[in-house]
Amino acid sequence: MKKKIDVKEYAGLLDEAIGKGILLNTQDQKFNSMVIGWGHLGRIWNLPTYVVYVRESRYTKDALDKTGEFTVSAPLSGIDPKIQQVCGSLSGRDVDKVKEAGLTLEAPEVNHVPGIREYPLTLECRVLYSQKQDPKEIPAEILEKFYPRNCGLPGAVDGRDVHTAYIGLIEDAYIIE
């Protein structure tokens, strides 16, 4: 069962949870979930949105680019250390995160990406716009701290594993009960 919510009423909880790591979920050939620590709730073009940032080298990026859909899952209370470890340090290219983290997938309402029962605050989103970061536009101190040169990863720009920002239209928001 799902309880529909006004996402604005959960803005504080989402803001607090993102600092500890919430989950960005995609579904292409298989379900994948990754911990994200950057994101924000807002409005653009007078639409409710959630913006996520994904590095060029991540497995999740391919699914996002291909399907244009994602869900965001946040806990209502504390984080689960096992989920954080599996989804924050292992790649979906190599492991089945559902099995490894013990995730319980919940069928979506609008898009094709499940939510996660263990992290019940769920936003179903459709990508409205995406933009790869330009390293030349990032302040030098931030660039050096977050994007070291010669990372050797696929998709690196000027030797740096930059992010793509995905502005997602929030098409549905609920708590999995």
C-alpha atoms as a PDB file:
ATOM      1  CA  MET A   1       0.000   0.000   0.000  1.00  0.00           C
ATOM      2  CA  LYS A   2       1.148   3.537  -0.744  1.00  0.00           C
ATOM      3  CA  LYS A   3       0.177   6.797   0.919  1.00  0.00           C
ATOM      4  CA  LYS A   4       0.276   9.738  -1.510  1.00  0.00           C
ATOM      5  CA  ILE A   5       2.131  12.750  -0.139  1.00  0.00           C
ATOM      6  CA  ASP A   6       2.727  16.401  -0.869  1.00  0.00           C
ATOM      7  CA  VAL A   7       6.490  16.271  -1.363  1.00  0.00           C
ATOM      8  CA  LYS A   8       6.893  19.843  -0.062  1.00  0.00           C
ATOM      9  CA  GLU A   9       5.852  18.573   3.375  1.00  0.00           C
ATOM     10  CA  TYR A  10       8.850  16.202   3.292  1.00  0.00           C
ATOM     11  CA  ALA A  11      11.423  18.723   2.028  1.00  0.00           C
ATOM     12  CA  GLY A  12      13.185  18.880   5.403  1.00  0.00           C
ATOM     13  CA  LEU A  13      13.375  15.116   5.699  1.00  0.00           C
ATOM     14  CA  LEU A  14      14.744  14.805   2.148  1.00  0.00           C
ATOM     15  CA  ASP A  15      17.303  17.523   2.796  1.00  0.00           C
ATOM     16  CA  GLU A  16      18.487  15.823   5.981  1.00  0.00           C
ATOM     17  CA  ALA A  17      18.530  12.357   4.378  1.00  0.00           C
ATOM     18  CA  ILE A  18      20.539  13.434   1.304  1.00  0.00           C
ATOM     19  CA  GLY A  19      23.399  14.378   3.612  1.00  0.00           C
ATOM     20  CA  LYS A  20      23.557  10.773   4.803  1.00  0.00           C
ATOM     21  CA  GLY A  21      22.873   9.272   1.378  1.00  0.00           C
ATOM     22  CA  ILE A  22      19.592   8.418  -0.273  1.00  0.00           C
ATOM     23  CA  LEU A  23      19.004   6.029  -3.163  1.00  0.00           C
ATOM     24  CA  LEU A  24      18.732   6.788  -6.849  1.00  0.00           C
ATOM     25  CA  ASN A  25      17.073   3.877  -8.644  1.00  0.00           C
ATOM     26  CA  THR A  26      17.019   2.989 -12.335  1.00  0.00           C
ATOM     27  CA  GLN A  27      15.567   0.146 -14.369  1.00  0.00           C
ATOM     28  CA  ASP A  28      16.897  -0.834 -17.760  1.00  0.00           C
ATOM     29  CA  GLN A  29      17.883  -4.452 -18.373  1.00  0.00           C
ATOM     30  CA  LYS A  30      17.863  -4.850 -14.587  1.00  0.00           C
ATOM     31  CA  PHE A  31      17.097  -2.809 -11.486  1.00  0.00           C
ATOM     32  CA  ASN A  32      19.971  -0.808 -10.020  1.00  0.00           C
ATOM     33  CA  SER A  33      20.250   1.443  -7.010  1.00  0.00           C
ATOM     34  CA  MET A  34      23.074   3.747  -5.982  1.00  0.00           C
ATOM     35  CA  VAL A  35      23.657   5.984  -2.988  1.00  0.00           C
ATOM     36  CA  ILE A  36      23.680   9.691  -3.800  1.00  0.00           C
ATOM     37  CA  GLY A  37      24.737  12.511  -1.528  1.00  0.00           C
ATOM     38  CA  TRP A  38      23.909  15.412  -3.825  1.00  0.00           C
ATOM     39  CA  GLY A  39      20.417  16.329  -4.968  1.00  0.00           C
ATOM     40  CA  HIS A  40      17.722  18.854  -4.413  1.00  0.00           C
ATOM     41  CA  LEU A  41      14.006  19.377  -4.449  1.00  0.00           C
ATOM     42  CA  GLY A  42      12.709  22.408  -6.279  1.00  0.00           C
ATOM     43  CA  ARG A  43      10.747  23.909  -9.127  1.00  0.00           C
ATOM     44  CA  ILE A  44      11.753  24.772 -12.661  1.00  0.00           C
ATOM     45  CA  TRP A  45       9.461  25.736 -15.516  1.00  0.00           C
ATOM     46  CA  ASN A  46       6.776  25.903 -12.807  1.00  0.00           C
ATOM     47  CA  LEU A  47       7.033  22.127 -12.326  1.00  0.00           C
ATOM     48  CA  PRO A  48       7.952  20.121  -9.209  1.00  0.00           C
ATOM     49  CA  THR A  49      11.407  18.610  -9.666  1.00  0.00           C
ATOM     50  CA  TYR A  50      14.136  16.605  -8.017  1.00  0.00           C
ATOM     51  CA  VAL A  51      17.644  17.048  -9.405  1.00  0.00           C
ATOM     52  CA  VAL A  52      20.190  14.231  -9.165  1.00  0.00           C
ATOM     53  CA  TYR A  53      23.851  14.199 -10.168  1.00  0.00           C
ATOM     54  CA  VAL A  54      25.532  11.134 -11.639  1.00  0.00           C
ATOM     55  CA  ARG A  55      29.181  10.759 -12.571  1.00  0.00           C
ATOM     56  CA  GLU A  56      29.968   9.872 -16.165  1.00  0.00           C
ATOM     57  CA  SER A  57      31.572   6.554 -15.152  1.00  0.00           C
ATOM     58  CA  ARG A  58      28.599   5.169 -13.204  1.00  0.00           C
ATOM     59  CA  TYR A  59      26.558   2.201 -14.353  1.00  0.00           C
ATOM     60  CA  THR A  60      23.430   4.147 -13.380  1.00  0.00           C
ATOM     61  CA  LYS A  61      24.167   6.822 -15.993  1.00  0.00           C
ATOM     62  CA  ASP A  62      23.649   4.442 -18.913  1.00  0.00           C
ATOM     63  CA  ALA A  63      20.189   3.443 -17.652  1.00  0.00           C
ATOM     64  CA  LEU A  64      19.190   7.061 -16.997  1.00  0.00           C
ATOM     65  CA  ASP A  65      20.279   8.132 -20.461  1.00  0.00           C
ATOM     66  CA  LYS A  66      18.479   5.220 -22.082  1.00  0.00           C
ATOM     67  CA  THR A  67      15.172   5.239 -20.173  1.00  0.00           C
ATOM     68  CA  GLY A  68      14.817   8.811 -18.911  1.00  0.00           C
ATOM     69  CA  GLU A  69      13.203   7.588 -15.676  1.00  0.00           C
ATOM     70  CA  PHE A  70      14.267   7.176 -12.074  1.00  0.00           C
ATOM     71  CA  THR A  71      12.975   6.923  -8.549  1.00  0.00           C
ATOM     72  CA  VAL A  72      14.462   8.454  -5.443  1.00  0.00           C
ATOM     73  CA  SER A  73      14.094   6.478  -2.202  1.00  0.00           C
ATOM     74  CA  ALA A  74      14.736   7.939   1.234  1.00  0.00           C
ATOM     75  CA  PRO A  75      14.402   6.465   4.717  1.00  0.00           C
ATOM     76  CA  LEU A  76      11.880   7.915   7.151  1.00  0.00           C
ATOM     77  CA  SER A  77      14.299   7.373  10.004  1.00  0.00           C
ATOM     78  CA  GLY A  78      17.918   6.152  10.078  1.00  0.00           C
ATOM     79  CA  ILE A  79      19.832   4.687   7.190  1.00  0.00           C
ATOM     80  CA  ASP A  80      20.446   0.956   6.844  1.00  0.00           C
ATOM     81  CA  PRO A  81      24.232   0.330   6.977  1.00  0.00           C
ATOM     82  CA  LYS A  82      24.068  -2.775   4.769  1.00  0.00           C
ATOM     83  CA  ILE A  83      22.042  -0.999   2.084  1.00  0.00           C
ATOM     84  CA  GLN A  84      24.406   1.980   2.216  1.00  0.00           C
ATOM     85  CA  GLN A  85      27.461  -0.270   1.933  1.00  0.00           C
ATOM     86  CA  VAL A  86      26.175  -2.355  -0.988  1.00  0.00           C
ATOM     87  CA  CYS A  87      24.515   0.468  -2.935  1.00  0.00           C
ATOM     88  CA  GLY A  88      27.263   2.964  -2.127  1.00  0.00           C
ATOM     89  CA  SER A  89      30.353   0.931  -2.921  1.00  0.00           C
ATOM     90  CA  LEU A  90      29.477  -1.853  -5.375  1.00  0.00           C
ATOM     91  CA  SER A  91      28.643  -1.469  -9.049  1.00  0.00           C
ATOM     92  CA  GLY A  92      25.446  -2.778 -10.594  1.00  0.00           C
ATOM     93  CA  ARG A  93      27.651  -3.901 -13.496  1.00  0.00           C
ATOM     94  CA  ASP A  94      29.107  -6.554 -11.203  1.00  0.00           C
ATOM     95  CA  VAL A  95      26.497  -7.446  -8.571  1.00  0.00           C
ATOM     96  CA  ASP A  96      22.768  -7.846  -8.074  1.00  0.00           C
ATOM     97  CA  LYS A  97      22.185  -5.129  -5.504  1.00  0.00           C
ATOM     98  CA  VAL A  98      18.637  -6.289  -4.757  1.00  0.00           C
ATOM     99  CA  LYS A  99      19.986  -9.629  -3.598  1.00  0.00           C
ATOM    100  CA  GLU A 100      23.189  -8.345  -1.962  1.00  0.00           C
ATOM    101  CA  ALA A 101      21.494  -5.541   0.003  1.00  0.00           C
ATOM    102  CA  GLY A 102      18.272  -7.445   0.751  1.00  0.00           C
ATOM    103  CA  LEU A 103      16.089  -4.858  -0.986  1.00  0.00           C
ATOM    104  CA  THR A 104      12.334  -5.323  -1.328  1.00  0.00           C
ATOM    105  CA  LEU A 105      11.178  -3.741  -4.584  1.00  0.00           C
ATOM    106  CA  GLU A 106       7.776  -2.088  -4.748  1.00  0.00           C
ATOM    107  CA  ALA A 107       5.991  -1.701  -8.100  1.00  0.00           C
ATOM    108  CA  PRO A 108       5.899   1.887  -9.368  1.00  0.00           C
ATOM    109  CA  GLU A 109       2.691   3.859  -9.926  1.00  0.00           C
ATOM    110  CA  VAL A 110       3.619   5.981 -12.953  1.00  0.00           C
ATOM    111  CA  ASN A 111       7.009   5.097 -14.435  1.00  0.00           C
ATOM    112  CA  HIS A 112       8.858   1.783 -14.790  1.00  0.00           C
ATOM    113  CA  VAL A 113      11.304   2.088 -11.881  1.00  0.00           C
ATOM    114  CA  PRO A 114      10.416   0.373  -8.595  1.00  0.00           C
ATOM    115  CA  GLY A 115      10.708   1.970  -5.195  1.00  0.00           C
ATOM    116  CA  ILE A 116      12.291   0.283  -2.187  1.00  0.00           C
ATOM    117  CA  ARG A 117      10.265  -0.767   0.847  1.00  0.00           C
ATOM    118  CA  GLU A 118      13.217  -0.311   3.208  1.00  0.00           C
ATOM    119  CA  TYR A 119      13.529   3.349   2.128  1.00  0.00           C
ATOM    120  CA  PRO A 120       9.814   4.138   1.804  1.00  0.00           C
ATOM    121  CA  LEU A 121       9.737   7.841   0.865  1.00  0.00           C
ATOM    122  CA  THR A 122       9.524   7.549  -2.920  1.00  0.00           C
ATOM    123  CA  LEU A 123       9.613  10.072  -5.749  1.00  0.00           C
ATOM    124  CA  GLU A 124       8.898   8.796  -9.246  1.00  0.00           C
ATOM    125  CA  CYS A 125      10.605  11.061 -11.785  1.00  0.00           C
ATOM    126  CA  ARG A 126      10.926  11.540 -15.529  1.00  0.00           C
ATOM    127  CA  VAL A 127      13.992  13.330 -16.858  1.00  0.00           C
ATOM    128  CA  LEU A 128      13.061  16.739 -18.252  1.00  0.00           C
ATOM    129  CA  TYR A 129      16.585  17.917 -18.942  1.00  0.00           C
ATOM    130  CA  SER A 130      20.158  16.802 -18.426  1.00  0.00           C
ATOM    131  CA  GLN A 131      23.448  18.646 -18.678  1.00  0.00           C
ATOM    132  CA  LYS A 132      27.017  17.393 -18.351  1.00  0.00           C
ATOM    133  CA  GLN A 133      29.237  19.605 -16.225  1.00  0.00           C
ATOM    134  CA  ASP A 134      31.894  21.628 -17.994  1.00  0.00           C
ATOM    135  CA  PRO A 135      35.098  21.499 -15.907  1.00  0.00           C
ATOM    136  CA  LYS A 136      36.063  24.959 -17.208  1.00  0.00           C
ATOM    137  CA  GLU A 137      33.009  26.421 -15.458  1.00  0.00           C
ATOM    138  CA  ILE A 138      33.655  24.875 -12.032  1.00  0.00           C
ATOM    139  CA  PRO A 139      35.605  26.970  -9.494  1.00  0.00           C
ATOM    140  CA  ALA A 140      39.215  25.719  -9.223  1.00  0.00           C
ATOM    141  CA  GLU A 141      39.048  24.781  -5.522  1.00  0.00           C
ATOM    142  CA  ILE A 142      35.895  22.693  -6.088  1.00  0.00           C
ATOM    143  CA  LEU A 143      37.283  21.158  -9.265  1.00  0.00           C
ATOM    144  CA  GLU A 144      40.449  19.981  -7.506  1.00  0.00           C
ATOM    145  CA  LYS A 145      38.592  18.686  -4.447  1.00  0.00           C
ATOM    146  CA  PHE A 146      35.814  16.748  -6.187  1.00  0.00           C
ATOM    147  CA  TYR A 147      37.208  16.050  -9.663  1.00  0.00           C
ATOM    148  CA  PRO A 148      40.870  15.038  -9.550  1.00  0.00           C
ATOM    149  CA  ARG A 149      42.628  14.913 -12.901  1.00  0.00           C
ATOM    150  CA  ASN A 150      43.639  11.661 -14.614  1.00  0.00           C
ATOM    151  CA  CYS A 151      41.012   9.525 -12.941  1.00  0.00           C
ATOM    152  CA  GLY A 152      41.298   7.008 -15.798  1.00  0.00           C
ATOM    153  CA  LEU A 153      37.567   6.309 -15.815  1.00  0.00           C
ATOM    154  CA  PRO A 154      35.340   5.978 -18.891  1.00  0.00           C
ATOM    155  CA  GLY A 155      33.486   9.160 -19.813  1.00  0.00           C
ATOM    156  CA  ALA A 156      36.036  11.406 -18.110  1.00  0.00           C
ATOM    157  CA  VAL A 157      36.158  14.972 -19.412  1.00  0.00           C
ATOM    158  CA  ASP A 158      39.651  16.480 -19.477  1.00  0.00           C
ATOM    159  CA  GLY A 159      40.728  13.530 -17.316  1.00  0.00           C
ATOM    160  CA  ARG A 160      38.034  14.255 -14.701  1.00  0.00           C
ATOM    161  CA  ASP A 161      35.002  12.133 -13.779  1.00  0.00           C
ATOM    162  CA  VAL A 162      32.433  14.953 -13.820  1.00  0.00           C
ATOM    163  CA  HIS A 163      28.708  14.676 -13.166  1.00  0.00           C
ATOM    164  CA  THR A 164      25.676  15.020 -15.367  1.00  0.00           C
ATOM    165  CA  ALA A 165      22.787  16.854 -13.703  1.00  0.00           C
ATOM    166  CA  TYR A 166      19.376  15.291 -14.345  1.00  0.00           C
ATOM    167  CA  ILE A 167      16.335  17.445 -13.662  1.00  0.00           C
ATOM    168  CA  GLY A 168      13.523  15.011 -12.947  1.00  0.00           C
ATOM    169  CA  LEU A 169       9.856  15.952 -13.076  1.00  0.00           C
ATOM    170  CA  ILE A 170       8.234  14.492  -9.952  1.00  0.00           C
ATOM    171  CA  GLU A 171       5.323  12.558 -11.424  1.00  0.00           C
ATOM    172  CA  ASP A 172       4.297  10.840  -8.195  1.00  0.00           C
ATOM    173  CA  ALA A 173       5.311  10.970  -4.520  1.00  0.00           C
ATOM    174  CA  TYR A 174       4.328   8.543  -1.781  1.00  0.00           C
ATOM    175  CA  ILE A 175       5.297   6.571   1.291  1.00  0.00           C
ATOM    176  CA  ILE A 176       5.391   2.796   0.898  1.00  0.00           C
ATOM    177  CA  GLU A 177       3.494   1.333   3.863  1.00  0.00           C
END
